Amino acid sequence: MTAAVVALLLGSLPSASAASSDASLDLLVISAGTLTPVFDSGTMTYAAVVTNTTATVTVQPTAAPGATVTVNGTTVVSGATSTPVALSVGTNTITMVVTAGNGITQKTYTVTVQRSMPADRDLSALKLSSGMLAPAFDKATAAYTAEVPYSTERITLTPTVSAESSVAKVNGQTVSPGGSSDPIDLAVGENEISVVVRAQDASTKRYTVTVRRASAVDLEALRLSAGTLSPVFASSVAEYSATVPETTDTVTVTPIAAASTSSVRVNGTEIAAGASSGAIPLSFGANTITVLVTAADKKTRVYTVVVTRSPSSTVAPVGTDLGGGVWIVRTGDFSALKVMNASATATRNLGPQQTARAPLNRLVTAHIRGLESRSTYRVSMKINGRWVRAGTVRSGRKGIAVVSALRFENNGRFRMRLTDKAKSKRFVRIVARAA
């Protein structure tokens, strides 16, 4: 009886031959890249490519029922995700060993993960031995310009790569990390310099710097004693403008020639090297200043600066009706005249055909009598030999009109007159002479 029970119990235990011998993977998933070829349980070897920025990957192996699996020697529950596998740049092998349920049968699957080389082909900085980059350096900007004086015959560039593994070449010559290029000869005019960055993955990026070396007829600098040049000075730009306030009645110009052998004249007067011009008088409005540069070979170049002397903020445009028959009139190069205070007026009571003298730079107000009641008359001024219409004035009930004009010329005289609409009759003449 005991022997029979023992035999029965032994017979109820599973034998080794009854356990599964399937050591296959049913599924394999990788966290980055794509398995090549497509997974098949009968294929043991795979490959995948990931970017350089991918520093780790995980795998998720699903084994056959009853089988166990290890990833690079570490047991992973079937269907679970492995711990991250660190990736070096280049080739990385991940090994998965599957052991069947019988504990004997094994299969080994491998995935070769290729982590790409760095693709950083940017510069983090770019410097010149002379001149300034325009625009300011930015790794995303590939094209730059710079201006150097005529005296600069050579230039060097110092490129700094973003990635230590990248290499920079200037005009085809490799530049050592932290170093500068060999001196580059500069011709007068534009010189294009190429900077090529090669990343570890063999991709490249090209930067260009166009360096303009000034000629012997260029200016290296141009400064005004008042106002600001617009645009900002550059030797290649010949025309500028500047604005100064009403109180600035003179300005000096300091031109610096690019070549020491060149001569410079401002408004026809020669200026010593590095010196300023004499005081240049400024009229109200636009004043053109010419700077002539003459090289040793007699070649020339002209720069111009238009300096506008602005009236004060208390100005009125031409033709403004100030009320009471007072108008702002135009003269010479002026486009606007300052409105004078009432205390600065000189008043004359005039009858028809009468003449009055008026002081310089004063607002002359004429009270004109003997006109037709409530009638409109034309007001004109004679400036530099030409009559200029200044507006109209309407007489009052008693036949009196009031008209004003600013005495502004520095010499000579001006006349102001009233006429009827038909211009057939002149009613008054005001003559102003310099003191």
Protein backbone atom coordinates (compact mmCIF):
# COMPACT_ATOMS: atom_id res chain seq x y z
CA MET A 1 0.00 0.00 0.00
CA THR A 2 2.77 2.43 0.86
CA ALA A 3 4.71 1.56 -2.25
CA ALA A 4 1.62 2.09 -4.37
CA VAL A 5 1.02 5.53 -2.81
CA VAL A 6 4.62 6.54 -3.38
CA ALA A 7 4.39 5.39 -6.96
CA LEU A 8 1.18 7.36 -7.44
CA LEU A 9 2.66 10.50 -5.94
CA LEU A 10 5.76 10.21 -8.08
CA GLY A 11 3.62 9.72 -11.12
CA SER A 12 1.73 12.95 -10.37
CA LEU A 13 4.92 15.11 -10.58
CA PRO A 14 5.60 16.70 -13.99
CA SER A 15 8.64 15.38 -15.74
CA ALA A 16 11.40 17.62 -17.18
CA SER A 17 10.45 16.54 -20.65
CA ALA A 18 6.93 17.95 -20.18
CA ALA A 19 8.18 21.65 -19.64
CA SER A 20 8.22 24.03 -22.65
CA SER A 21 11.36 24.20 -24.72
CA ASP A 22 10.30 27.42 -26.54
CA ALA A 23 13.01 30.05 -25.98
CA SER A 24 11.70 32.55 -28.51
CA LEU A 25 10.67 36.16 -28.19
CA ASP A 26 7.14 36.85 -29.30
CA LEU A 27 7.66 40.62 -29.49
CA LEU A 28 10.48 43.17 -29.20
CA VAL A 29 10.04 46.94 -28.98
CA ILE A 30 12.80 49.61 -28.80
CA SER A 31 12.20 53.13 -27.40
CA ALA A 32 14.10 55.01 -30.13
CA GLY A 33 14.94 54.26 -33.72
CA THR A 34 13.39 51.50 -35.82
CA LEU A 35 14.33 47.84 -35.76
CA THR A 36 15.76 46.52 -39.00
CA PRO A 37 14.57 44.09 -40.21
CA VAL A 38 11.00 44.15 -38.90
CA PHE A 39 10.79 41.92 -35.83
CA ASP A 40 10.23 38.21 -36.34
CA SER A 41 10.69 35.64 -33.57
CA GLY A 42 12.89 33.60 -35.85
CA THR A 43 15.29 36.48 -36.57
CA MET A 44 18.03 36.80 -33.99
CA THR A 45 19.91 39.96 -35.08
CA TYR A 46 18.61 43.53 -35.52
CA ALA A 47 19.94 47.03 -36.02
CA ALA A 48 18.65 50.51 -35.19
CA VAL A 49 19.95 54.05 -35.73
CA VAL A 50 19.32 56.91 -33.30
CA THR A 51 20.26 60.57 -33.31
CA ASN A 52 23.23 61.96 -31.46
CA THR A 53 20.90 63.55 -28.94
CA THR A 54 19.60 60.12 -27.90
CA ALA A 55 21.78 59.18 -24.93
CA THR A 56 19.84 56.09 -23.74
CA VAL A 57 17.33 53.55 -25.02
CA THR A 58 15.12 50.91 -23.45
CA VAL A 59 13.84 47.63 -24.88
CA GLN A 60 10.62 45.77 -24.13
CA PRO A 61 11.00 42.03 -24.83
CA THR A 62 8.00 39.67 -24.58
CA ALA A 63 9.09 36.02 -24.21
CA ALA A 64 7.20 32.83 -25.05
CA PRO A 65 4.96 31.46 -22.26
CA GLY A 66 7.01 30.07 -19.38
CA ALA A 67 10.28 31.56 -20.69
CA THR A 68 12.44 34.15 -18.94
CA VAL A 69 14.59 36.91 -20.46
CA THR A 70 17.60 38.99 -19.50
CA VAL A 71 18.74 42.28 -21.09
CA ASN A 72 22.51 42.78 -20.95
CA GLY A 73 22.56 40.29 -18.05
CA THR A 74 19.72 41.85 -16.05
CA THR A 75 16.47 39.90 -15.72
CA VAL A 76 13.45 41.68 -17.15
CA VAL A 77 9.87 40.56 -16.62
CA SER A 78 8.45 39.42 -19.92
CA GLY A 79 6.56 42.31 -21.52
CA ALA A 80 8.12 44.89 -19.21
CA THR A 81 10.53 47.70 -20.12
CA SER A 82 14.21 47.32 -19.36
CA THR A 83 16.24 49.85 -17.45
CA PRO A 84 17.79 52.53 -19.73
CA VAL A 85 20.82 51.38 -21.68
CA ALA A 86 23.47 54.11 -22.03
CA LEU A 87 24.61 54.77 -25.59
CA SER A 88 28.04 55.85 -26.68
CA VAL A 89 28.54 57.66 -29.97
CA GLY A 90 28.90 54.92 -32.55
CA THR A 91 28.02 51.22 -32.15
CA ASN A 92 26.25 49.83 -29.06
CA THR A 93 25.15 46.17 -28.68
CA ILE A 94 22.16 45.13 -26.59
CA THR A 95 21.97 41.39 -25.85
CA MET A 96 18.76 39.58 -24.81
CA VAL A 97 19.00 35.95 -23.66
CA VAL A 98 15.72 33.99 -23.55
CA THR A 99 15.57 30.78 -21.44
CA ALA A 100 12.75 28.35 -22.13
CA GLY A 101 10.51 27.01 -19.41
CA ASN A 102 12.50 23.76 -19.29
CA GLY A 103 15.45 25.78 -18.01
CA ILE A 104 17.68 24.33 -20.70
CA THR A 105 16.84 25.78 -24.08
CA GLN A 106 18.15 29.30 -24.75
CA LYS A 107 18.15 31.79 -27.61
CA THR A 108 20.12 34.99 -27.87
CA TYR A 109 18.76 38.09 -29.64
CA THR A 110 20.97 41.11 -30.34
CA VAL A 111 20.19 44.70 -31.30
CA THR A 112 23.04 46.86 -32.59
CA VAL A 113 22.17 50.51 -31.91
CA GLN A 114 24.12 53.09 -33.89
CA ARG A 115 24.20 56.49 -32.18
CA SER A 116 24.97 59.15 -34.77
CA MET A 117 27.93 61.47 -34.60
CA PRO A 118 27.30 65.03 -33.34
CA ALA A 119 25.75 67.25 -36.03
CA ASP A 120 26.63 70.56 -34.35
CA ARG A 121 28.15 72.63 -37.13
CA ASP A 122 27.55 76.05 -35.56
CA LEU A 123 30.00 78.68 -34.43
CA SER A 124 29.53 80.08 -30.95
CA ALA A 125 31.66 83.16 -31.68
CA LEU A 126 33.46 84.88 -34.54
CA LYS A 127 35.91 87.74 -34.09
CA LEU A 128 37.95 89.94 -36.42
CA SER A 129 41.35 91.45 -35.75
CA SER A 130 40.09 94.73 -37.27
CA GLY A 131 36.63 96.16 -37.86
CA MET A 132 33.27 95.12 -36.45
CA LEU A 133 30.87 92.48 -37.71
CA ALA A 134 27.54 93.73 -39.01
CA PRO A 135 25.14 92.51 -37.86
CA ALA A 136 26.45 91.42 -34.47
CA PHE A 137 27.37 87.74 -34.44
CA ASP A 138 24.60 85.19 -34.03
CA LYS A 139 25.11 81.51 -34.79
CA ALA A 140 21.94 81.49 -36.88
CA THR A 141 23.21 84.31 -39.12
CA ALA A 142 25.52 83.13 -41.88
CA ALA A 143 26.48 86.34 -43.74
CA TYR A 144 28.30 89.36 -42.32
CA THR A 145 30.05 92.52 -43.46
CA ALA A 146 32.80 94.61 -41.93
CA GLU A 147 34.65 97.78 -42.87
CA VAL A 148 38.33 98.45 -42.23
CA PRO A 149 40.41 101.54 -43.00
CA TYR A 150 42.75 101.83 -45.96
CA SER A 151 45.70 101.31 -43.62
CA THR A 152 44.53 97.76 -42.77
CA GLU A 153 46.28 95.53 -45.30
CA ARG A 154 45.67 92.18 -43.55
CA ILE A 155 43.11 90.66 -41.24
CA THR A 156 42.71 87.50 -39.14
CA LEU A 157 39.55 85.71 -38.04
CA THR A 158 39.03 83.81 -34.79
CA PRO A 159 36.18 81.28 -35.11
CA THR A 160 34.97 79.36 -32.05
CA VAL A 161 33.03 76.13 -32.71
CA SER A 162 30.07 75.15 -30.55
CA ALA A 163 31.07 71.46 -30.32
CA GLU A 164 34.58 70.36 -29.43
CA SER A 165 34.36 67.64 -32.06
CA SER A 166 33.71 70.15 -34.87
CA VAL A 167 36.44 71.70 -37.00
CA ALA A 168 36.52 75.22 -38.49
CA LYS A 169 38.34 76.22 -41.66
CA VAL A 170 38.96 79.80 -42.81
CA ASN A 171 39.44 80.09 -46.56
CA GLY A 172 40.17 76.37 -46.60
CA GLN A 173 42.80 76.42 -43.84
CA THR A 174 42.06 74.55 -40.60
CA VAL A 175 42.06 76.73 -37.50
CA SER A 176 43.14 75.09 -34.26
CA PRO A 177 40.67 75.27 -31.33
CA GLY A 178 40.86 78.71 -29.74
CA GLY A 179 43.25 79.95 -32.41
CA SER A 180 43.10 82.47 -35.23
CA SER A 181 43.44 82.10 -38.95
CA ASP A 182 46.57 82.98 -40.87
CA PRO A 183 46.69 86.66 -41.93
CA ILE A 184 44.50 87.28 -44.98
CA ASP A 185 45.59 89.93 -47.49
CA LEU A 186 42.96 92.58 -48.21
CA ALA A 187 42.58 94.31 -51.54
CA VAL A 188 40.98 97.75 -51.70
CA GLY A 189 37.24 97.17 -51.91
CA GLU A 190 35.33 94.01 -51.00
CA ASN A 191 37.03 90.81 -49.84
CA GLU A 192 34.91 87.70 -49.15
CA ILE A 193 36.21 85.38 -46.46
CA SER A 194 34.72 81.91 -46.01
CA VAL A 195 34.41 80.07 -42.68
CA VAL A 196 33.29 76.43 -42.97
CA VAL A 197 32.42 74.36 -39.88
CA ARG A 198 32.51 70.56 -40.27
CA ALA A 199 30.61 68.53 -37.67
CA GLN A 200 31.63 65.04 -36.56
CA ASP A 201 28.90 63.55 -38.73
CA ALA A 202 30.62 65.16 -41.75
CA SER A 203 27.87 67.75 -42.30
CA THR A 204 29.04 71.33 -42.88
CA LYS A 205 27.87 74.92 -42.48
CA ARG A 206 29.32 77.96 -44.25
CA TYR A 207 29.65 81.47 -42.85
CA THR A 208 30.86 84.41 -44.96
CA VAL A 209 32.40 87.72 -43.95
CA THR A 210 32.69 90.40 -46.62
CA VAL A 211 35.41 92.81 -45.51
CA ARG A 212 35.50 96.15 -47.29
CA ARG A 213 38.85 97.88 -47.19
CA ALA A 214 38.54 101.62 -47.72
CA SER A 215 40.26 103.21 -50.70
CA ALA A 216 42.67 106.14 -50.63
CA VAL A 217 39.80 108.50 -51.55
CA ASP A 218 37.61 107.35 -48.67
CA LEU A 219 37.11 108.92 -45.30
CA GLU A 220 37.85 106.80 -42.28
CA ALA A 221 35.70 108.94 -39.99
CA LEU A 222 33.45 112.00 -40.17
CA ARG A 223 32.20 113.90 -37.14
CA LEU A 224 30.07 116.98 -36.53
CA SER A 225 30.35 119.34 -33.59
CA ALA A 226 26.54 119.30 -33.29
CA GLY A 227 23.84 116.92 -34.45
CA THR A 228 24.11 113.24 -35.30
CA LEU A 229 24.95 111.83 -38.72
CA SER A 230 22.25 109.76 -40.37
CA PRO A 231 22.91 107.07 -41.38
CA VAL A 232 25.76 106.10 -39.06
CA PHE A 233 29.04 106.87 -40.79
CA ALA A 234 30.53 104.23 -43.07
CA SER A 235 33.32 104.98 -45.52
CA SER A 236 31.28 103.48 -48.36
CA VAL A 237 28.34 105.86 -47.79
CA ALA A 238 28.74 109.33 -49.30
CA GLU A 239 25.54 111.17 -48.32
CA TYR A 240 24.44 112.09 -44.80
CA SER A 241 22.03 114.36 -42.99
CA ALA A 242 21.84 115.87 -39.53
CA THR A 243 19.50 118.17 -37.63
CA VAL A 244 20.53 120.85 -35.14
CA PRO A 245 18.36 123.11 -32.96
CA GLU A 246 17.57 126.74 -33.73
CA THR A 247 20.21 127.93 -31.27
CA THR A 248 23.03 126.25 -33.22
CA ASP A 249 24.13 128.85 -35.76
CA THR A 250 27.49 127.29 -36.69
CA VAL A 251 28.93 123.80 -36.97
CA THR A 252 32.40 122.33 -37.49
CA VAL A 253 33.27 119.17 -39.40
CA THR A 254 36.12 116.80 -38.55
CA PRO A 255 36.95 114.52 -41.50
CA ILE A 256 39.62 111.82 -41.17
CA ALA A 257 41.07 110.55 -44.46
CA ALA A 258 41.57 106.82 -44.81
CA ALA A 259 45.01 107.34 -46.37
CA SER A 260 47.58 109.62 -44.78
CA THR A 261 48.66 110.72 -48.27
CA SER A 262 45.20 112.05 -49.14
CA SER A 263 44.08 115.66 -48.72
CA VAL A 264 40.68 116.85 -47.51
CA ARG A 265 38.74 120.04 -48.22
CA VAL A 266 35.57 121.16 -46.47
CA ASN A 267 33.47 123.57 -48.52
CA GLY A 268 36.59 124.26 -50.59
CA THR A 269 38.95 124.93 -47.68
CA GLU A 270 41.76 122.43 -47.09
CA ILE A 271 41.85 120.86 -43.64
CA ALA A 272 44.98 119.58 -41.93
CA ALA A 273 45.07 115.86 -41.20
CA GLY A 274 42.90 115.08 -38.18
CA ALA A 275 41.86 118.71 -37.73
CA SER A 276 38.41 120.27 -37.72
CA SER A 277 37.07 122.77 -40.19
CA GLY A 278 36.41 126.35 -39.27
CA ALA A 279 32.98 127.33 -38.00
CA ILE A 280 30.46 126.94 -40.82
CA PRO A 281 27.50 129.37 -40.53
CA LEU A 282 24.08 127.74 -40.60
CA SER A 283 20.99 129.36 -42.06
CA PHE A 284 17.57 128.21 -41.00
CA GLY A 285 16.60 125.20 -43.07
CA ALA A 286 18.95 122.99 -45.10
CA ASN A 287 22.70 123.69 -45.30
CA THR A 288 24.85 121.50 -47.56
CA ILE A 289 28.44 120.84 -46.51
CA THR A 290 30.79 119.16 -49.00
CA VAL A 291 33.89 117.18 -48.07
CA LEU A 292 36.28 116.52 -50.97
CA VAL A 293 38.92 113.80 -50.56
CA THR A 294 41.80 113.78 -53.06
CA ALA A 295 44.20 110.82 -53.17
CA ALA A 296 47.86 111.01 -54.13
CA ASP A 297 46.97 109.73 -57.60
CA LYS A 298 44.52 112.67 -57.98
CA LYS A 299 41.43 110.47 -57.73
CA THR A 300 38.66 112.16 -55.77
CA ARG A 301 35.53 111.42 -53.82
CA VAL A 302 32.90 113.78 -52.44
CA TYR A 303 30.94 113.30 -49.22
CA THR A 304 27.99 115.56 -48.46
CA VAL A 305 26.28 116.40 -45.19
CA VAL A 306 22.97 118.28 -45.25
CA VAL A 307 22.60 120.00 -41.88
CA THR A 308 19.09 121.26 -41.17
CA ARG A 309 18.83 124.04 -38.65
CA SER A 310 15.35 123.73 -37.22
CA PRO A 311 13.27 126.62 -35.91
CA SER A 312 12.14 126.48 -32.31
CA SER A 313 9.01 124.57 -31.40
CA THR A 314 7.07 127.86 -31.61
CA VAL A 315 6.72 127.91 -35.38
CA ALA A 316 3.90 128.23 -37.85
CA PRO A 317 3.85 126.93 -41.43
CA VAL A 318 3.75 129.27 -44.37
CA GLY A 319 0.34 130.77 -44.95
CA THR A 320 -0.88 130.31 -41.38
CA ASP A 321 -3.66 132.77 -40.53
CA LEU A 322 -2.90 134.04 -37.05
CA GLY A 323 -6.20 135.93 -36.89
CA GLY A 324 -6.89 139.63 -37.08
CA GLY A 325 -5.49 139.76 -40.60
CA VAL A 326 -2.03 138.50 -39.52
CA TRP A 327 -0.35 135.96 -41.80
CA ILE A 328 2.93 134.05 -41.75
CA VAL A 329 4.73 134.69 -45.05
CA ARG A 330 7.52 132.95 -46.91
CA THR A 331 11.01 134.17 -47.80
CA GLY A 332 14.18 132.87 -49.38
CA ASP A 333 15.12 129.40 -48.15
CA PHE A 334 12.75 129.54 -45.20
CA SER A 335 9.83 127.16 -45.06
CA ALA A 336 8.55 128.44 -41.69
CA LEU A 337 9.02 131.53 -39.57
CA LYS A 338 9.10 131.96 -35.85
CA VAL A 339 6.00 133.59 -34.37
CA MET A 340 7.22 136.71 -32.59
CA ASN A 341 5.89 137.84 -29.24
CA ALA A 342 3.57 140.86 -29.19
CA SER A 343 6.25 142.84 -27.36
CA ALA A 344 8.45 142.56 -30.42
CA THR A 345 6.08 144.42 -32.74
CA ALA A 346 6.51 147.80 -34.36
CA THR A 347 3.18 149.43 -35.21
CA ARG A 348 2.61 152.16 -37.77
CA ASN A 349 -0.70 153.88 -38.53
CA LEU A 350 -0.70 154.34 -42.28
CA GLY A 351 -3.01 155.83 -44.82
CA PRO A 352 -3.22 154.81 -48.49
CA GLN A 353 0.07 155.06 -50.44
CA GLN A 354 2.09 155.77 -47.31
CA THR A 355 5.51 154.26 -46.56
CA ALA A 356 7.08 153.29 -43.24
CA ARG A 357 10.46 151.97 -42.21
CA ALA A 358 10.64 148.85 -40.05
CA PRO A 359 13.53 147.50 -37.91
CA LEU A 360 15.36 144.25 -38.68
CA ASN A 361 14.04 140.98 -37.22
CA ARG A 362 10.86 142.54 -35.91
CA LEU A 363 7.21 141.78 -36.54
CA VAL A 364 5.87 144.77 -38.49
CA THR A 365 2.15 145.44 -37.98
CA ALA A 366 0.43 147.96 -40.22
CA HIS A 367 -2.97 149.48 -39.38
CA ILE A 368 -4.25 150.48 -42.81
CA ARG A 369 -6.97 153.12 -43.04
CA GLY A 370 -9.12 154.50 -45.80
CA LEU A 371 -10.20 151.16 -47.22
CA GLU A 372 -13.66 150.18 -48.31
CA SER A 373 -15.78 148.80 -45.48
CA ARG A 374 -15.82 145.01 -45.07
CA SER A 375 -13.83 144.35 -48.25
CA THR A 376 -11.21 141.69 -48.99
CA TYR A 377 -7.71 142.67 -50.18
CA ARG A 378 -4.69 140.68 -51.31
CA VAL A 379 -1.51 140.88 -49.25
CA SER A 380 1.77 140.47 -51.13
CA MET A 381 5.47 140.79 -50.29
CA LYS A 382 8.32 141.54 -52.62
CA ILE A 383 11.25 139.27 -51.80
CA ASN A 384 14.46 139.27 -53.82
CA GLY A 385 12.75 141.11 -56.63
CA ARG A 386 9.69 138.86 -56.82
CA TRP A 387 6.24 139.46 -55.43
CA VAL A 388 5.01 136.58 -53.28
CA ARG A 389 1.37 136.31 -52.30
CA ALA A 390 0.99 136.06 -48.54
CA GLY A 391 -2.77 135.74 -48.22
CA THR A 392 -5.75 138.03 -47.87
CA VAL A 393 -7.05 140.47 -45.29
CA ARG A 394 -10.58 141.82 -44.77
CA SER A 395 -11.19 145.38 -43.70
CA GLY A 396 -13.49 146.21 -40.84
CA ARG A 397 -16.65 148.27 -40.73
CA LYS A 398 -14.66 151.52 -40.59
CA GLY A 399 -12.44 150.58 -43.52
CA ILE A 400 -9.43 149.64 -41.39
CA ALA A 401 -7.31 146.50 -41.93
CA VAL A 402 -4.44 145.13 -39.86
CA VAL A 403 -1.65 143.17 -41.54
CA SER A 404 1.69 141.93 -40.16
CA ALA A 405 4.92 140.52 -41.58
CA LEU A 406 8.25 139.51 -40.10
CA ARG A 407 11.34 141.51 -41.09
CA PHE A 408 13.88 138.73 -41.45
CA GLU A 409 16.50 139.51 -44.11
CA ASN A 410 20.03 140.42 -43.07
CA ASN A 411 20.48 143.01 -45.80
CA GLY A 412 18.53 144.77 -48.50
CA ARG A 413 14.86 145.49 -47.94
CA PHE A 414 11.42 144.08 -48.53
CA ARG A 415 8.08 145.60 -49.48
CA MET A 416 4.59 144.59 -48.45
CA ARG A 417 1.48 145.87 -50.25
CA LEU A 418 -2.29 145.58 -50.30
CA THR A 419 -4.25 145.54 -53.54
CA ASP A 420 -7.89 145.08 -54.36
CA LYS A 421 -9.06 141.84 -55.93
CA ALA A 422 -8.57 143.21 -59.43
CA LYS A 423 -5.00 144.21 -58.51
CA SER A 424 -5.81 147.63 -59.97
CA LYS A 425 -5.10 149.74 -56.94
CA ARG A 426 -2.26 149.65 -54.44
CA PHE A 427 -3.29 150.88 -51.01
CA VAL A 428 -0.14 150.72 -48.89
CA ARG A 429 3.57 150.02 -49.11
CA ILE A 430 5.75 149.09 -46.17
CA VAL A 431 9.51 149.29 -46.77
CA ALA A 432 11.90 147.71 -44.25
CA ARG A 433 15.63 148.43 -44.32
CA ALA A 434 18.51 146.95 -42.36
CA ALA A 435 19.64 148.99 -39.40
